[in-house]
Amino acid sequence: MNYKKALDNPIFKTICNVADGLNYPTFVVGGWVRDLLLKRKRKIEDIDFVCVGSGIVLAQKICNKLGKDAAL
């Protein structure tokens, strides 16, 4: 899997914009990253993030930004 293509999904831009607005450094971590590096296929809906700040606040703001498109 191509890194650029994998990161082109709009969810990354949304999370980046919200995290930047909160001034929370935020990183993609976990199995999704491992599988990307190992060139394994992985579903986009299983992505773990870590932020330096309140994860609850970040999640709430992302949910608000996504609106009806947010999957809870």
C-alpha atoms as a PDB file:
ATOM      1  CA  MET A   1       0.000   0.000   0.000  1.00  0.00           C
ATOM      2  CA  ASN A   2       1.264   3.440  -0.928  1.00  0.00           C
ATOM      3  CA  TYR A   3       1.694   5.756   2.117  1.00  0.00           C
ATOM      4  CA  LYS A   4       0.420   8.792   0.214  1.00  0.00           C
ATOM      5  CA  LYS A   5      -2.639   6.960  -1.036  1.00  0.00           C
ATOM      6  CA  ALA A   6      -3.392   5.564   2.436  1.00  0.00           C
ATOM      7  CA  LEU A   7      -3.194   9.026   4.006  1.00  0.00           C
ATOM      8  CA  ASP A   8      -5.356  10.665   1.321  1.00  0.00           C
ATOM      9  CA  ASN A   9      -8.521   9.589   3.117  1.00  0.00           C
ATOM     10  CA  PRO A  10     -10.384  12.757   4.192  1.00  0.00           C
ATOM     11  CA  ILE A  11     -10.636  11.559   7.801  1.00  0.00           C
ATOM     12  CA  PHE A  12      -6.939  12.326   8.289  1.00  0.00           C
ATOM     13  CA  LYS A  13      -7.386  15.919   7.108  1.00  0.00           C
ATOM     14  CA  THR A  14     -10.407  16.365   9.365  1.00  0.00           C
ATOM     15  CA  ILE A  15      -8.607  15.026  12.423  1.00  0.00           C
ATOM     16  CA  CYS A  16      -5.505  17.076  11.597  1.00  0.00           C
ATOM     17  CA  ASN A  17      -7.512  20.290  11.245  1.00  0.00           C
ATOM     18  CA  VAL A  18      -9.419  19.741  14.495  1.00  0.00           C
ATOM     19  CA  ALA A  19      -6.261  18.769  16.406  1.00  0.00           C
ATOM     20  CA  ASP A  20      -4.421  21.816  15.032  1.00  0.00           C
ATOM     21  CA  GLY A  21      -7.304  24.049  16.113  1.00  0.00           C
ATOM     22  CA  LEU A  22      -6.974  22.674  19.640  1.00  0.00           C
ATOM     23  CA  ASN A  23      -3.170  22.855  19.488  1.00  0.00           C
ATOM     24  CA  TYR A  24      -3.035  19.109  20.295  1.00  0.00           C
ATOM     25  CA  PRO A  25      -0.160  17.233  18.656  1.00  0.00           C
ATOM     26  CA  THR A  26      -1.904  14.093  17.345  1.00  0.00           C
ATOM     27  CA  PHE A  27      -0.448  10.919  15.884  1.00  0.00           C
ATOM     28  CA  VAL A  28      -1.705   7.809  14.102  1.00  0.00           C
ATOM     29  CA  VAL A  29      -0.567   4.742  16.077  1.00  0.00           C
ATOM     30  CA  GLY A  30      -1.204   1.047  16.499  1.00  0.00           C
ATOM     31  CA  GLY A  31      -2.083  -1.753  14.139  1.00  0.00           C
ATOM     32  CA  TRP A  32      -3.089   0.466  11.231  1.00  0.00           C
ATOM     33  CA  VAL A  33       0.426   1.942  11.111  1.00  0.00           C
ATOM     34  CA  ARG A  34       2.060  -1.475  11.572  1.00  0.00           C
ATOM     35  CA  ASP A  35       0.005  -2.950   8.750  1.00  0.00           C
ATOM     36  CA  LEU A  36       0.744   0.018   6.494  1.00  0.00           C
ATOM     37  CA  LEU A  37       4.483  -0.444   7.079  1.00  0.00           C
ATOM     38  CA  LEU A  38       4.197  -4.186   6.468  1.00  0.00           C
ATOM     39  CA  LYS A  39       2.081  -3.541   3.351  1.00  0.00           C
ATOM     40  CA  ARG A  40      -0.901  -5.458   4.719  1.00  0.00           C
ATOM     41  CA  LYS A  41      -4.430  -4.507   3.724  1.00  0.00           C
ATOM     42  CA  ARG A  42      -6.312  -2.825   6.559  1.00  0.00           C
ATOM     43  CA  LYS A  43      -9.766  -1.321   6.823  1.00  0.00           C
ATOM     44  CA  ILE A  44      -9.797   2.464   7.135  1.00  0.00           C
ATOM     45  CA  GLU A  45     -12.367   2.348   9.951  1.00  0.00           C
ATOM     46  CA  ASP A  46      -9.891   0.794  12.399  1.00  0.00           C
ATOM     47  CA  ILE A  47      -7.436   3.615  13.096  1.00  0.00           C
ATOM     48  CA  ASP A  48      -5.969   4.523  16.489  1.00  0.00           C
ATOM     49  CA  PHE A  49      -4.851   8.035  17.356  1.00  0.00           C
ATOM     50  CA  VAL A  50      -3.061   9.471  20.354  1.00  0.00           C
ATOM     51  CA  CYS A  51      -2.995  13.151  21.204  1.00  0.00           C
ATOM     52  CA  VAL A  52      -1.169  15.360  23.650  1.00  0.00           C
ATOM     53  CA  GLY A  53      -4.236  16.837  25.292  1.00  0.00           C
ATOM     54  CA  SER A  54      -7.708  15.617  26.114  1.00  0.00           C
ATOM     55  CA  GLY A  55      -8.706  12.719  23.892  1.00  0.00           C
ATOM     56  CA  ILE A  56     -12.324  13.257  24.957  1.00  0.00           C
ATOM     57  CA  VAL A  57     -12.298  16.895  23.818  1.00  0.00           C
ATOM     58  CA  LEU A  58     -10.627  15.931  20.535  1.00  0.00           C
ATOM     59  CA  ALA A  59     -13.188  13.167  19.895  1.00  0.00           C
ATOM     60  CA  GLN A  60     -16.105  15.485  20.680  1.00  0.00           C
ATOM     61  CA  LYS A  61     -14.795  18.195  18.338  1.00  0.00           C
ATOM     62  CA  ILE A  62     -14.176  15.672  15.558  1.00  0.00           C
ATOM     63  CA  CYS A  63     -17.690  14.279  16.023  1.00  0.00           C
ATOM     64  CA  ASN A  64     -19.119  17.817  15.840  1.00  0.00           C
ATOM     65  CA  LYS A  65     -17.100  18.517  12.694  1.00  0.00           C
ATOM     66  CA  LEU A  66     -18.261  15.315  10.998  1.00  0.00           C
ATOM     67  CA  GLY A  67     -21.872  15.881  12.012  1.00  0.00           C
ATOM     68  CA  LYS A  68     -24.276  13.302  10.667  1.00  0.00           C
ATOM     69  CA  ASP A  69     -21.385  11.503   8.941  1.00  0.00           C
ATOM     70  CA  ALA A  70     -19.841  10.539  12.294  1.00  0.00           C
ATOM     71  CA  ALA A  71     -20.101   6.849  13.112  1.00  0.00           C
ATOM     72  CA  LEU A  72     -20.515   6.215  16.813  1.00  0.00           C
END
